[in-house]
PDB file of all heavy atoms in Angstrom:
ATOM      1  N   SER A   1      31.535 -12.334 -43.947  1.00  0.00           N
ATOM      2  CA  SER A   1      30.375 -11.488 -44.238  1.00  0.00           C
ATOM      3  C   SER A   1      30.776 -10.218 -44.974  1.00  0.00           C
ATOM      4  O   SER A   1      31.821  -9.619 -44.703  1.00  0.00           O
ATOM      5  CB  SER A   1      29.669 -11.106 -42.933  1.00  0.00           C
ATOM      6  OG  SER A   1      28.625 -10.185 -43.184  1.00  0.00           O
ATOM      7  N   ARG A   2      29.893  -9.785 -45.900  1.00  0.00           N
ATOM      8  CA  ARG A   2      30.101  -8.515 -46.585  1.00  0.00           C
ATOM      9  C   ARG A   2      29.420  -7.371 -45.851  1.00  0.00           C
ATOM     10  O   ARG A   2      29.469  -6.223 -46.299  1.00  0.00           O
ATOM     11  CB  ARG A   2      29.567  -8.618 -48.015  1.00  0.00           C
ATOM     12  CG  ARG A   2      30.381  -9.597 -48.878  1.00  0.00           C
ATOM     13  CD  ARG A   2      29.806  -9.777 -50.263  1.00  0.00           C
ATOM     14  NE  ARG A   2      29.765  -8.527 -50.998  1.00  0.00           N
ATOM     15  CZ  ARG A   2      29.287  -8.409 -52.244  1.00  0.00           C
ATOM     16  NH1 ARG A   2      28.822  -9.477 -52.870  1.00  0.00           N
ATOM     17  NH2 ARG A   2      29.274  -7.243 -52.851  1.00  0.00           N
ATOM     18  N   VAL A   3      28.773  -7.670 -44.743  1.00  0.00           N
ATOM     19  CA  VAL A   3      28.140  -6.637 -43.922  1.00  0.00           C
ATOM     20  C   VAL A   3      29.183  -6.084 -42.955  1.00  0.00           C
ATOM     21  O   VAL A   3      29.803  -6.853 -42.206  1.00  0.00           O
ATOM     22  CB  VAL A   3      26.943  -7.206 -43.137  1.00  0.00           C
ATOM     23  CG1 VAL A   3      26.278  -6.109 -42.307  1.00  0.00           C
ATOM     24  CG2 VAL A   3      25.935  -7.853 -44.085  1.00  0.00           C
ATOM     25  N   PRO A   4      29.394  -4.779 -42.920  1.00  0.00           N
ATOM     26  CA  PRO A   4      30.422  -4.211 -42.028  1.00  0.00           C
ATOM     27  C   PRO A   4      29.893  -4.069 -40.596  1.00  0.00           C
ATOM     28  O   PRO A   4      29.650  -2.968 -40.102  1.00  0.00           O
ATOM     29  CB  PRO A   4      30.702  -2.849 -42.663  1.00  0.00           C
ATOM     30  CG  PRO A   4      29.398  -2.459 -43.294  1.00  0.00           C
ATOM     31  CD  PRO A   4      28.773  -3.738 -43.782  1.00  0.00           C
ATOM     32  N   TRP A   5      29.732  -5.181 -39.921  1.00  0.00           N
ATOM     33  CA  TRP A   5      29.035  -5.205 -38.637  1.00  0.00           C
ATOM     34  C   TRP A   5      29.612  -4.210 -37.627  1.00  0.00           C
ATOM     35  O   TRP A   5      28.870  -3.420 -37.026  1.00  0.00           O
ATOM     36  CB  TRP A   5      29.079  -6.619 -38.053  1.00  0.00           C
ATOM     37  CG  TRP A   5      28.355  -7.629 -38.886  1.00  0.00           C
ATOM     38  CD1 TRP A   5      28.905  -8.585 -39.690  1.00  0.00           C
ATOM     39  CD2 TRP A   5      26.937  -7.765 -39.030  1.00  0.00           C
ATOM     40  NE1 TRP A   5      27.932  -9.305 -40.322  1.00  0.00           N
ATOM     41  CE2 TRP A   5      26.705  -8.835 -39.928  1.00  0.00           C
ATOM     42  CE3 TRP A   5      25.836  -7.103 -38.476  1.00  0.00           C
ATOM     43  CZ2 TRP A   5      25.428  -9.252 -40.282  1.00  0.00           C
ATOM     44  CZ3 TRP A   5      24.561  -7.513 -38.832  1.00  0.00           C
ATOM     45  CH2 TRP A   5      24.361  -8.567 -39.720  1.00  0.00           C
ATOM     46  N   LEU A   6      30.891  -4.233 -37.385  1.00  0.00           N
ATOM     47  CA  LEU A   6      31.484  -3.391 -36.344  1.00  0.00           C
ATOM     48  C   LEU A   6      31.486  -1.925 -36.755  1.00  0.00           C
ATOM     49  O   LEU A   6      31.368  -1.028 -35.901  1.00  0.00           O
ATOM     50  CB  LEU A   6      32.898  -3.873 -36.024  1.00  0.00           C
ATOM     51  CG  LEU A   6      32.998  -5.338 -35.570  1.00  0.00           C
ATOM     52  CD1 LEU A   6      34.428  -5.668 -35.147  1.00  0.00           C
ATOM     53  CD2 LEU A   6      32.014  -5.640 -34.441  1.00  0.00           C
ATOM     54  N   HIS A   7      31.600  -1.655 -38.035  1.00  0.00           N
ATOM     55  CA  HIS A   7      31.527  -0.278 -38.535  1.00  0.00           C
ATOM     56  C   HIS A   7      30.122   0.299 -38.307  1.00  0.00           C
ATOM     57  O   HIS A   7      29.982   1.477 -37.937  1.00  0.00           O
ATOM     58  CB  HIS A   7      31.883  -0.262 -40.025  1.00  0.00           C
ATOM     59  CG  HIS A   7      31.765   1.084 -40.672  1.00  0.00           C
ATOM     60  ND1 HIS A   7      32.646   2.120 -40.429  1.00  0.00           N
ATOM     61  CD2 HIS A   7      30.858   1.569 -41.567  1.00  0.00           C
ATOM     62  CE1 HIS A   7      32.300   3.178 -41.139  1.00  0.00           C
ATOM     63  NE2 HIS A   7      31.215   2.874 -41.835  1.00  0.00           N
ATOM     64  N   LEU A   8      29.104  -0.517 -38.492  1.00  0.00           N
ATOM     65  CA  LEU A   8      27.729  -0.036 -38.372  1.00  0.00           C
ATOM     66  C   LEU A   8      27.410   0.445 -36.962  1.00  0.00           C
ATOM     67  O   LEU A   8      26.721   1.455 -36.781  1.00  0.00           O
ATOM     68  CB  LEU A   8      26.747  -1.137 -38.778  1.00  0.00           C
ATOM     69  CG  LEU A   8      26.713  -1.521 -40.254  1.00  0.00           C
ATOM     70  CD1 LEU A   8      25.740  -2.669 -40.486  1.00  0.00           C
ATOM     71  CD2 LEU A   8      26.332  -0.319 -41.106  1.00  0.00           C
ATOM     72  N   ILE A   9      27.902  -0.265 -35.960  1.00  0.00           N
ATOM     73  CA  ILE A   9      27.503   0.103 -34.598  1.00  0.00           C
ATOM     74  C   ILE A   9      28.274   1.298 -34.055  1.00  0.00           C
ATOM     75  O   ILE A   9      27.950   1.808 -32.977  1.00  0.00           O
ATOM     76  CB  ILE A   9      27.613  -1.088 -33.631  1.00  0.00           C
ATOM     77  CG1 ILE A   9      29.054  -1.582 -33.527  1.00  0.00           C
ATOM     78  CG2 ILE A   9      26.660  -2.188 -34.030  1.00  0.00           C
ATOM     79  CD1 ILE A   9      29.290  -2.499 -32.348  1.00  0.00           C
ATOM     80  N   GLU A  10      29.266   1.765 -34.773  1.00  0.00           N
ATOM     81  CA  GLU A  10      29.951   2.978 -34.333  1.00  0.00           C
ATOM     82  C   GLU A  10      29.024   4.190 -34.412  1.00  0.00           C
ATOM     83  O   GLU A  10      29.190   5.148 -33.661  1.00  0.00           O
ATOM     84  CB  GLU A  10      31.194   3.217 -35.195  1.00  0.00           C
ATOM     85  CG  GLU A  10      32.283   2.183 -35.005  1.00  0.00           C
ATOM     86  CD  GLU A  10      33.449   2.404 -35.955  1.00  0.00           C
ATOM     87  OE1 GLU A  10      33.351   3.296 -36.839  1.00  0.00           O
ATOM     88  OE2 GLU A  10      34.458   1.688 -35.816  1.00  0.00           O
ATOM     89  N   ASP A  11      28.074   4.136 -35.326  1.00  0.00           N
ATOM     90  CA  ASP A  11      27.150   5.258 -35.527  1.00  0.00           C
ATOM     91  C   ASP A  11      25.854   4.676 -36.079  1.00  0.00           C
ATOM     92  O   ASP A  11      25.824   4.149 -37.192  1.00  0.00           O
ATOM     93  CB  ASP A  11      27.747   6.264 -36.524  1.00  0.00           C
ATOM     94  CG  ASP A  11      26.912   7.540 -36.639  1.00  0.00           C
ATOM     95  OD1 ASP A  11      25.696   7.488 -36.364  1.00  0.00           O
ATOM     96  OD2 ASP A  11      27.485   8.576 -37.023  1.00  0.00           O
ATOM     97  N   TYR A  12      24.763   4.769 -35.304  1.00  0.00           N
ATOM     98  CA  TYR A  12      23.510   4.141 -35.722  1.00  0.00           C
ATOM     99  C   TYR A  12      22.899   4.804 -36.950  1.00  0.00           C
ATOM    100  O   TYR A  12      22.013   4.224 -37.590  1.00  0.00           O
ATOM    101  CB  TYR A  12      22.507   4.138 -34.576  1.00  0.00           C
ATOM    102  CG  TYR A  12      22.894   3.270 -33.393  1.00  0.00           C
ATOM    103  CD1 TYR A  12      22.119   3.257 -32.236  1.00  0.00           C
ATOM    104  CD2 TYR A  12      24.025   2.457 -33.422  1.00  0.00           C
ATOM    105  CE1 TYR A  12      22.460   2.482 -31.144  1.00  0.00           C
ATOM    106  CE2 TYR A  12      24.381   1.675 -32.339  1.00  0.00           C
ATOM    107  CZ  TYR A  12      23.598   1.696 -31.197  1.00  0.00           C
ATOM    108  OH  TYR A  12      23.947   0.918 -30.121  1.00  0.00           O
ATOM    109  N   ASP A  13      23.355   6.006 -37.307  1.00  0.00           N
ATOM    110  CA  ASP A  13      22.921   6.598 -38.573  1.00  0.00           C
ATOM    111  C   ASP A  13      23.256   5.665 -39.733  1.00  0.00           C
ATOM    112  O   ASP A  13      22.530   5.599 -40.732  1.00  0.00           O
ATOM    113  CB  ASP A  13      23.609   7.948 -38.808  1.00  0.00           C
ATOM    114  CG  ASP A  13      22.943   9.088 -38.047  1.00  0.00           C
ATOM    115  OD1 ASP A  13      22.005   8.811 -37.269  1.00  0.00           O
ATOM    116  OD2 ASP A  13      23.360  10.244 -38.232  1.00  0.00           O
ATOM    117  N   ARG A  14      24.374   4.947 -39.613  1.00  0.00           N
ATOM    118  CA  ARG A  14      24.785   4.036 -40.683  1.00  0.00           C
ATOM    119  C   ARG A  14      23.792   2.877 -40.820  1.00  0.00           C
ATOM    120  O   ARG A  14      23.518   2.406 -41.926  1.00  0.00           O
ATOM    121  CB  ARG A  14      26.184   3.503 -40.393  1.00  0.00           C
ATOM    122  CG  ARG A  14      27.254   4.588 -40.357  1.00  0.00           C
ATOM    123  CD  ARG A  14      28.571   4.070 -39.779  1.00  0.00           C
ATOM    124  NE  ARG A  14      29.555   5.157 -39.633  1.00  0.00           N
ATOM    125  CZ  ARG A  14      30.698   5.042 -38.975  1.00  0.00           C
ATOM    126  NH1 ARG A  14      31.010   3.887 -38.385  1.00  0.00           N
ATOM    127  NH2 ARG A  14      31.537   6.074 -38.892  1.00  0.00           N
ATOM    128  N   ILE A  15      23.273   2.421 -39.695  1.00  0.00           N
ATOM    129  CA  ILE A  15      22.256   1.361 -39.737  1.00  0.00           C
ATOM    130  C   ILE A  15      20.998   1.885 -40.420  1.00  0.00           C
ATOM    131  O   ILE A  15      20.410   1.225 -41.286  1.00  0.00           O
ATOM    132  CB  ILE A  15      21.928   0.852 -38.319  1.00  0.00           C
ATOM    133  CG1 ILE A  15      23.187   0.360 -37.607  1.00  0.00           C
ATOM    134  CG2 ILE A  15      20.871  -0.247 -38.377  1.00  0.00           C
ATOM    135  CD1 ILE A  15      22.974  -0.006 -36.148  1.00  0.00           C
ATOM    136  N   ARG A  16      20.595   3.099 -40.050  1.00  0.00           N
ATOM    137  CA  ARG A  16      19.378   3.674 -40.639  1.00  0.00           C
ATOM    138  C   ARG A  16      19.551   3.952 -42.135  1.00  0.00           C
ATOM    139  O   ARG A  16      18.591   3.844 -42.905  1.00  0.00           O
ATOM    140  CB  ARG A  16      18.975   4.923 -39.863  1.00  0.00           C
ATOM    141  CG  ARG A  16      18.463   4.596 -38.455  1.00  0.00           C
ATOM    142  CD  ARG A  16      17.947   5.812 -37.733  1.00  0.00           C
ATOM    143  NE  ARG A  16      19.014   6.633 -37.193  1.00  0.00           N
ATOM    144  CZ  ARG A  16      19.527   6.508 -35.970  1.00  0.00           C
ATOM    145  NH1 ARG A  16      19.085   5.559 -35.152  1.00  0.00           N
ATOM    146  NH2 ARG A  16      20.487   7.319 -35.545  1.00  0.00           N
ATOM    147  N   ASP A  17      20.756   4.301 -42.545  1.00  0.00           N
ATOM    148  CA  ASP A  17      21.006   4.471 -43.984  1.00  0.00           C
ATOM    149  C   ASP A  17      20.745   3.168 -44.739  1.00  0.00           C
ATOM    150  O   ASP A  17      20.221   3.179 -45.868  1.00  0.00           O
ATOM    151  CB  ASP A  17      22.452   4.920 -44.230  1.00  0.00           C
ATOM    152  CG  ASP A  17      22.689   6.389 -43.869  1.00  0.00           C
ATOM    153  OD1 ASP A  17      21.704   7.157 -43.815  1.00  0.00           O
ATOM    154  OD2 ASP A  17      23.862   6.757 -43.646  1.00  0.00           O
ATOM    155  N   LEU A  18      21.100   2.048 -44.127  1.00  0.00           N
ATOM    156  CA  LEU A  18      20.865   0.758 -44.768  1.00  0.00           C
ATOM    157  C   LEU A  18      19.390   0.370 -44.718  1.00  0.00           C
ATOM    158  O   LEU A  18      18.868  -0.238 -45.661  1.00  0.00           O
ATOM    159  CB  LEU A  18      21.717  -0.322 -44.098  1.00  0.00           C
ATOM    160  CG  LEU A  18      23.224  -0.217 -44.341  1.00  0.00           C
ATOM    161  CD1 LEU A  18      23.970  -1.260 -43.519  1.00  0.00           C
ATOM    162  CD2 LEU A  18      23.547  -0.390 -45.825  1.00  0.00           C
ATOM    163  N   ILE A  19      18.714   0.720 -43.623  1.00  0.00           N
ATOM    164  CA  ILE A  19      17.287   0.415 -43.526  1.00  0.00           C
ATOM    165  C   ILE A  19      16.528   1.058 -44.686  1.00  0.00           C
ATOM    166  O   ILE A  19      15.670   0.428 -45.317  1.00  0.00           O
ATOM    167  CB  ILE A  19      16.716   0.883 -42.169  1.00  0.00           C
ATOM    168  CG1 ILE A  19      17.261   0.004 -41.032  1.00  0.00           C
ATOM    169  CG2 ILE A  19      15.187   0.843 -42.178  1.00  0.00           C
ATOM    170  CD1 ILE A  19      16.865   0.453 -39.644  1.00  0.00           C
ATOM    171  N   GLU A  20      16.847   2.308 -45.013  1.00  0.00           N
ATOM    172  CA  GLU A  20      16.104   2.967 -46.085  1.00  0.00           C
ATOM    173  C   GLU A  20      16.454   2.391 -47.455  1.00  0.00           C
ATOM    174  O   GLU A  20      15.665   2.504 -48.394  1.00  0.00           O
ATOM    175  CB  GLU A  20      16.298   4.481 -46.048  1.00  0.00           C
ATOM    176  CG  GLU A  20      17.660   5.005 -46.407  1.00  0.00           C
ATOM    177  CD  GLU A  20      17.668   6.538 -46.432  1.00  0.00           C
ATOM    178  OE1 GLU A  20      17.637   7.171 -45.350  1.00  0.00           O
ATOM    179  OE2 GLU A  20      17.709   7.095 -47.542  1.00  0.00           O
ATOM    180  N   LYS A  21      17.609   1.751 -47.588  1.00  0.00           N
ATOM    181  CA  LYS A  21      17.924   1.080 -48.854  1.00  0.00           C
ATOM    182  C   LYS A  21      17.065  -0.169 -49.044  1.00  0.00           C
ATOM    183  O   LYS A  21      16.715  -0.531 -50.171  1.00  0.00           O
ATOM    184  CB  LYS A  21      19.404   0.690 -48.893  1.00  0.00           C
ATOM    185  CG  LYS A  21      20.353   1.859 -49.121  1.00  0.00           C
ATOM    186  CD  LYS A  21      21.782   1.354 -49.298  1.00  0.00           C
ATOM    187  CE  LYS A  21      22.736   2.501 -49.600  1.00  0.00           C
ATOM    188  NZ  LYS A  21      24.116   2.020 -49.838  1.00  0.00           N
ATOM    189  N   ILE A  22      16.744  -0.833 -47.953  1.00  0.00           N
ATOM    190  CA  ILE A  22      15.949  -2.064 -48.033  1.00  0.00           C
ATOM    191  C   ILE A  22      14.455  -1.749 -48.060  1.00  0.00           C
ATOM    192  O   ILE A  22      13.685  -2.409 -48.747  1.00  0.00           O
ATOM    193  CB  ILE A  22      16.267  -3.007 -46.849  1.00  0.00           C
ATOM    194  CG1 ILE A  22      17.784  -3.210 -46.711  1.00  0.00           C
ATOM    195  CG2 ILE A  22      15.555  -4.345 -47.011  1.00  0.00           C
ATOM    196  CD1 ILE A  22      18.437  -3.849 -47.908  1.00  0.00           C
ATOM    197  N   TYR A  23      14.048  -0.715 -47.316  1.00  0.00           N
ATOM    198  CA  TYR A  23      12.626  -0.377 -47.174  1.00  0.00           C
ATOM    199  C   TYR A  23      12.415   1.080 -47.586  1.00  0.00           C
ATOM    200  O   TYR A  23      12.646   2.000 -46.780  1.00  0.00           O
ATOM    201  CB  TYR A  23      12.165  -0.601 -45.729  1.00  0.00           C
ATOM    202  CG  TYR A  23      12.592  -1.946 -45.192  1.00  0.00           C
ATOM    203  CD1 TYR A  23      13.685  -2.065 -44.337  1.00  0.00           C
ATOM    204  CD2 TYR A  23      11.935  -3.103 -45.578  1.00  0.00           C
ATOM    205  CE1 TYR A  23      14.102  -3.295 -43.873  1.00  0.00           C
ATOM    206  CE2 TYR A  23      12.351  -4.345 -45.120  1.00  0.00           C
ATOM    207  CZ  TYR A  23      13.435  -4.437 -44.265  1.00  0.00           C
ATOM    208  OH  TYR A  23      13.841  -5.664 -43.823  1.00  0.00           O
ATOM    209  N   PRO A  24      11.990   1.328 -48.827  1.00  0.00           N
ATOM    210  CA  PRO A  24      11.884   2.701 -49.338  1.00  0.00           C
ATOM    211  C   PRO A  24      10.982   3.610 -48.516  1.00  0.00           C
ATOM    212  O   PRO A  24      11.143   4.833 -48.564  1.00  0.00           O
ATOM    213  CB  PRO A  24      11.316   2.489 -50.752  1.00  0.00           C
ATOM    214  CG  PRO A  24      11.746   1.107 -51.130  1.00  0.00           C
ATOM    215  CD  PRO A  24      11.714   0.322 -49.851  1.00  0.00           C
ATOM    216  N   ASP A  25      10.043   3.032 -47.765  1.00  0.00           N
ATOM    217  CA  ASP A  25       9.155   3.865 -46.951  1.00  0.00           C
ATOM    218  C   ASP A  25       9.922   4.633 -45.879  1.00  0.00           C
ATOM    219  O   ASP A  25       9.419   5.596 -45.304  1.00  0.00           O
ATOM    220  CB  ASP A  25       8.087   2.981 -46.299  1.00  0.00           C
ATOM    221  CG  ASP A  25       6.798   3.731 -46.038  1.00  0.00           C
ATOM    222  OD1 ASP A  25       6.636   4.848 -46.576  1.00  0.00           O
ATOM    223  OD2 ASP A  25       5.947   3.211 -45.299  1.00  0.00           O
ATOM    224  N   PHE A  26      11.175   4.212 -45.607  1.00  0.00           N
ATOM    225  CA  PHE A  26      12.016   4.887 -44.617  1.00  0.00           C
ATOM    226  C   PHE A  26      12.959   5.900 -45.275  1.00  0.00           C
ATOM    227  O   PHE A  26      14.006   6.213 -44.712  1.00  0.00           O
ATOM    228  CB  PHE A  26      12.833   3.860 -43.836  1.00  0.00           C
ATOM    229  CG  PHE A  26      12.051   3.091 -42.807  1.00  0.00           C
ATOM    230  CD1 PHE A  26      11.366   1.942 -43.155  1.00  0.00           C
ATOM    231  CD2 PHE A  26      11.989   3.523 -41.494  1.00  0.00           C
ATOM    232  CE1 PHE A  26      10.638   1.220 -42.220  1.00  0.00           C
ATOM    233  CE2 PHE A  26      11.265   2.816 -40.544  1.00  0.00           C
ATOM    234  CZ  PHE A  26      10.582   1.660 -40.910  1.00  0.00           C
ATOM    235  N   HIS A  27      12.578   6.435 -46.422  1.00  0.00           N
ATOM    236  CA  HIS A  27      13.441   7.396 -47.118  1.00  0.00           C
ATOM    237  C   HIS A  27      13.758   8.589 -46.213  1.00  0.00           C
ATOM    238  O   HIS A  27      12.942   9.000 -45.378  1.00  0.00           O
ATOM    239  CB  HIS A  27      12.773   7.871 -48.414  1.00  0.00           C
ATOM    240  CG  HIS A  27      11.493   8.621 -48.194  1.00  0.00           C
ATOM    241  ND1 HIS A  27      11.438   9.978 -47.960  1.00  0.00           N
ATOM    242  CD2 HIS A  27      10.208   8.183 -48.177  1.00  0.00           C
ATOM    243  CE1 HIS A  27      10.196  10.352 -47.803  1.00  0.00           C
ATOM    244  NE2 HIS A  27       9.418   9.296 -47.922  1.00  0.00           N
ATOM    245  N   ASP A  28      14.951   9.135 -46.373  1.00  0.00           N
ATOM    246  CA  ASP A  28      15.404  10.275 -45.562  1.00  0.00           C
ATOM    247  C   ASP A  28      15.257   9.987 -44.064  1.00  0.00           C
ATOM    248  O   ASP A  28      14.911  10.869 -43.274  1.00  0.00           O
ATOM    249  CB  ASP A  28      14.628  11.550 -45.923  1.00  0.00           C
ATOM    250  CG  ASP A  28      14.752  11.899 -47.387  1.00  0.00           C
ATOM    251  OD1 ASP A  28      15.876  11.832 -47.917  1.00  0.00           O
ATOM    252  OD2 ASP A  28      13.726  12.221 -48.016  1.00  0.00           O
ATOM    253  N   TYR A  29      15.551   8.751 -43.703  1.00  0.00           N
ATOM    254  CA  TYR A  29      15.306   8.271 -42.334  1.00  0.00           C
ATOM    255  C   TYR A  29      15.973   9.168 -41.288  1.00  0.00           C
ATOM    256  O   TYR A  29      15.321   9.674 -40.362  1.00  0.00           O
ATOM    257  CB  TYR A  29      15.828   6.844 -42.240  1.00  0.00           C
ATOM    258  CG  TYR A  29      15.340   6.014 -41.077  1.00  0.00           C
ATOM    259  CD1 TYR A  29      15.652   4.653 -41.026  1.00  0.00           C
ATOM    260  CD2 TYR A  29      14.575   6.533 -40.046  1.00  0.00           C
ATOM    261  CE1 TYR A  29      15.222   3.846 -39.989  1.00  0.00           C
ATOM    262  CE2 TYR A  29      14.136   5.737 -38.999  1.00  0.00           C
ATOM    263  CZ  TYR A  29      14.465   4.394 -38.979  1.00  0.00           C
ATOM    264  OH  TYR A  29      14.040   3.599 -37.947  1.00  0.00           O
ATOM    265  N   ASN A  30      17.256   9.380 -41.427  1.00  0.00           N
ATOM    266  CA  ASN A  30      17.977  10.135 -40.400  1.00  0.00           C
ATOM    267  C   ASN A  30      17.498  11.578 -40.295  1.00  0.00           C
ATOM    268  O   ASN A  30      17.425  12.128 -39.190  1.00  0.00           O
ATOM    269  CB  ASN A  30      19.482  10.080 -40.682  1.00  0.00           C
ATOM    270  CG  ASN A  30      20.089   8.749 -40.256  1.00  0.00           C
ATOM    271  OD1 ASN A  30      19.904   8.314 -39.130  1.00  0.00           O
ATOM    272  ND2 ASN A  30      20.781   8.092 -41.180  1.00  0.00           N
ATOM    273  N   ALA A  31      17.176  12.174 -41.409  1.00  0.00           N
ATOM    274  CA  ALA A  31      16.677  13.553 -41.364  1.00  0.00           C
ATOM    275  C   ALA A  31      15.308  13.610 -40.699  1.00  0.00           C
ATOM    276  O   ALA A  31      15.032  14.500 -39.881  1.00  0.00           O
ATOM    277  CB  ALA A  31      16.597  14.129 -42.776  1.00  0.00           C
ATOM    278  N   ARG A  32      14.463  12.657 -41.013  1.00  0.00           N
ATOM    279  CA  ARG A  32      13.082  12.721 -40.514  1.00  0.00           C
ATOM    280  C   ARG A  32      12.971  12.386 -39.031  1.00  0.00           C
ATOM    281  O   ARG A  32      12.077  12.895 -38.350  1.00  0.00           O
ATOM    282  CB  ARG A  32      12.176  11.814 -41.344  1.00  0.00           C
ATOM    283  CG  ARG A  32      11.956  12.350 -42.767  1.00  0.00           C
ATOM    284  CD  ARG A  32      10.749  11.693 -43.427  1.00  0.00           C
ATOM    285  NE  ARG A  32      11.018  10.316 -43.802  1.00  0.00           N
ATOM    286  CZ  ARG A  32      10.060   9.462 -44.192  1.00  0.00           C
ATOM    287  NH1 ARG A  32       8.794   9.850 -44.220  1.00  0.00           N
ATOM    288  NH2 ARG A  32      10.378   8.220 -44.536  1.00  0.00           N
ATOM    289  N   ILE A  33      13.862  11.538 -38.505  1.00  0.00           N
ATOM    290  CA  ILE A  33      13.747  11.259 -37.066  1.00  0.00           C
ATOM    291  C   ILE A  33      14.315  12.390 -36.216  1.00  0.00           C
ATOM    292  O   ILE A  33      14.103  12.421 -34.997  1.00  0.00           O
ATOM    293  CB  ILE A  33      14.411   9.928 -36.661  1.00  0.00           C
ATOM    294  CG1 ILE A  33      15.916   9.971 -36.911  1.00  0.00           C
ATOM    295  CG2 ILE A  33      13.732   8.757 -37.300  1.00  0.00           C
ATOM    296  CD1 ILE A  33      16.690   9.015 -36.035  1.00  0.00           C
ATOM    297  N   ARG A  34      15.012  13.314 -36.842  1.00  0.00           N
ATOM    298  CA  ARG A  34      15.512  14.464 -36.088  1.00  0.00           C
ATOM    299  C   ARG A  34      14.460  15.558 -35.953  1.00  0.00           C
ATOM    300  O   ARG A  34      14.660  16.542 -35.244  1.00  0.00           O
ATOM    301  CB  ARG A  34      16.792  14.992 -36.739  1.00  0.00           C
ATOM    302  CG  ARG A  34      17.993  14.076 -36.470  1.00  0.00           C
ATOM    303  CD  ARG A  34      19.236  14.466 -37.259  1.00  0.00           C
ATOM    304  NE  ARG A  34      20.416  13.734 -36.810  1.00  0.00           N
ATOM    305  CZ  ARG A  34      20.711  12.484 -37.128  1.00  0.00           C
ATOM    306  NH1 ARG A  34      19.890  11.809 -37.915  1.00  0.00           N
ATOM    307  NH2 ARG A  34      21.808  11.894 -36.666  1.00  0.00           N
ATOM    308  N   VAL A  35      13.338  15.392 -36.603  1.00  0.00           N
ATOM    309  CA  VAL A  35      12.204  16.300 -36.429  1.00  0.00           C
ATOM    310  C   VAL A  35      11.433  15.826 -35.196  1.00  0.00           C
ATOM    311  O   VAL A  35      11.087  14.648 -35.099  1.00  0.00           O
ATOM    312  CB  VAL A  35      11.285  16.272 -37.663  1.00  0.00           C
ATOM    313  CG1 VAL A  35      10.064  17.155 -37.436  1.00  0.00           C
ATOM    314  CG2 VAL A  35      12.053  16.707 -38.899  1.00  0.00           C
ATOM    315  N   PRO A  36      11.178  16.703 -34.224  1.00  0.00           N
ATOM    316  CA  PRO A  36      10.442  16.270 -33.027  1.00  0.00           C
ATOM    317  C   PRO A  36       9.134  15.567 -33.387  1.00  0.00           C
ATOM    318  O   PRO A  36       8.356  16.065 -34.195  1.00  0.00           O
ATOM    319  CB  PRO A  36      10.176  17.588 -32.286  1.00  0.00           C
ATOM    320  CG  PRO A  36      11.307  18.477 -32.712  1.00  0.00           C
ATOM    321  CD  PRO A  36      11.581  18.116 -34.147  1.00  0.00           C
ATOM    322  N   GLY A  37       8.932  14.410 -32.802  1.00  0.00           N
ATOM    323  CA  GLY A  37       7.732  13.643 -33.104  1.00  0.00           C
ATOM    324  C   GLY A  37       7.913  12.641 -34.219  1.00  0.00           C
ATOM    325  O   GLY A  37       7.098  11.745 -34.396  1.00  0.00           O
TER     326      GLY A  37
END
């Protein structure tokens, strides 16, 4: 696999970085979930 599976789970921010690459509606994902609510 070209997916770095074990690297991703070390820090879930890395998973969210990939989510926003696939789904543009999740842009700035990590920054926006750090805002309360």
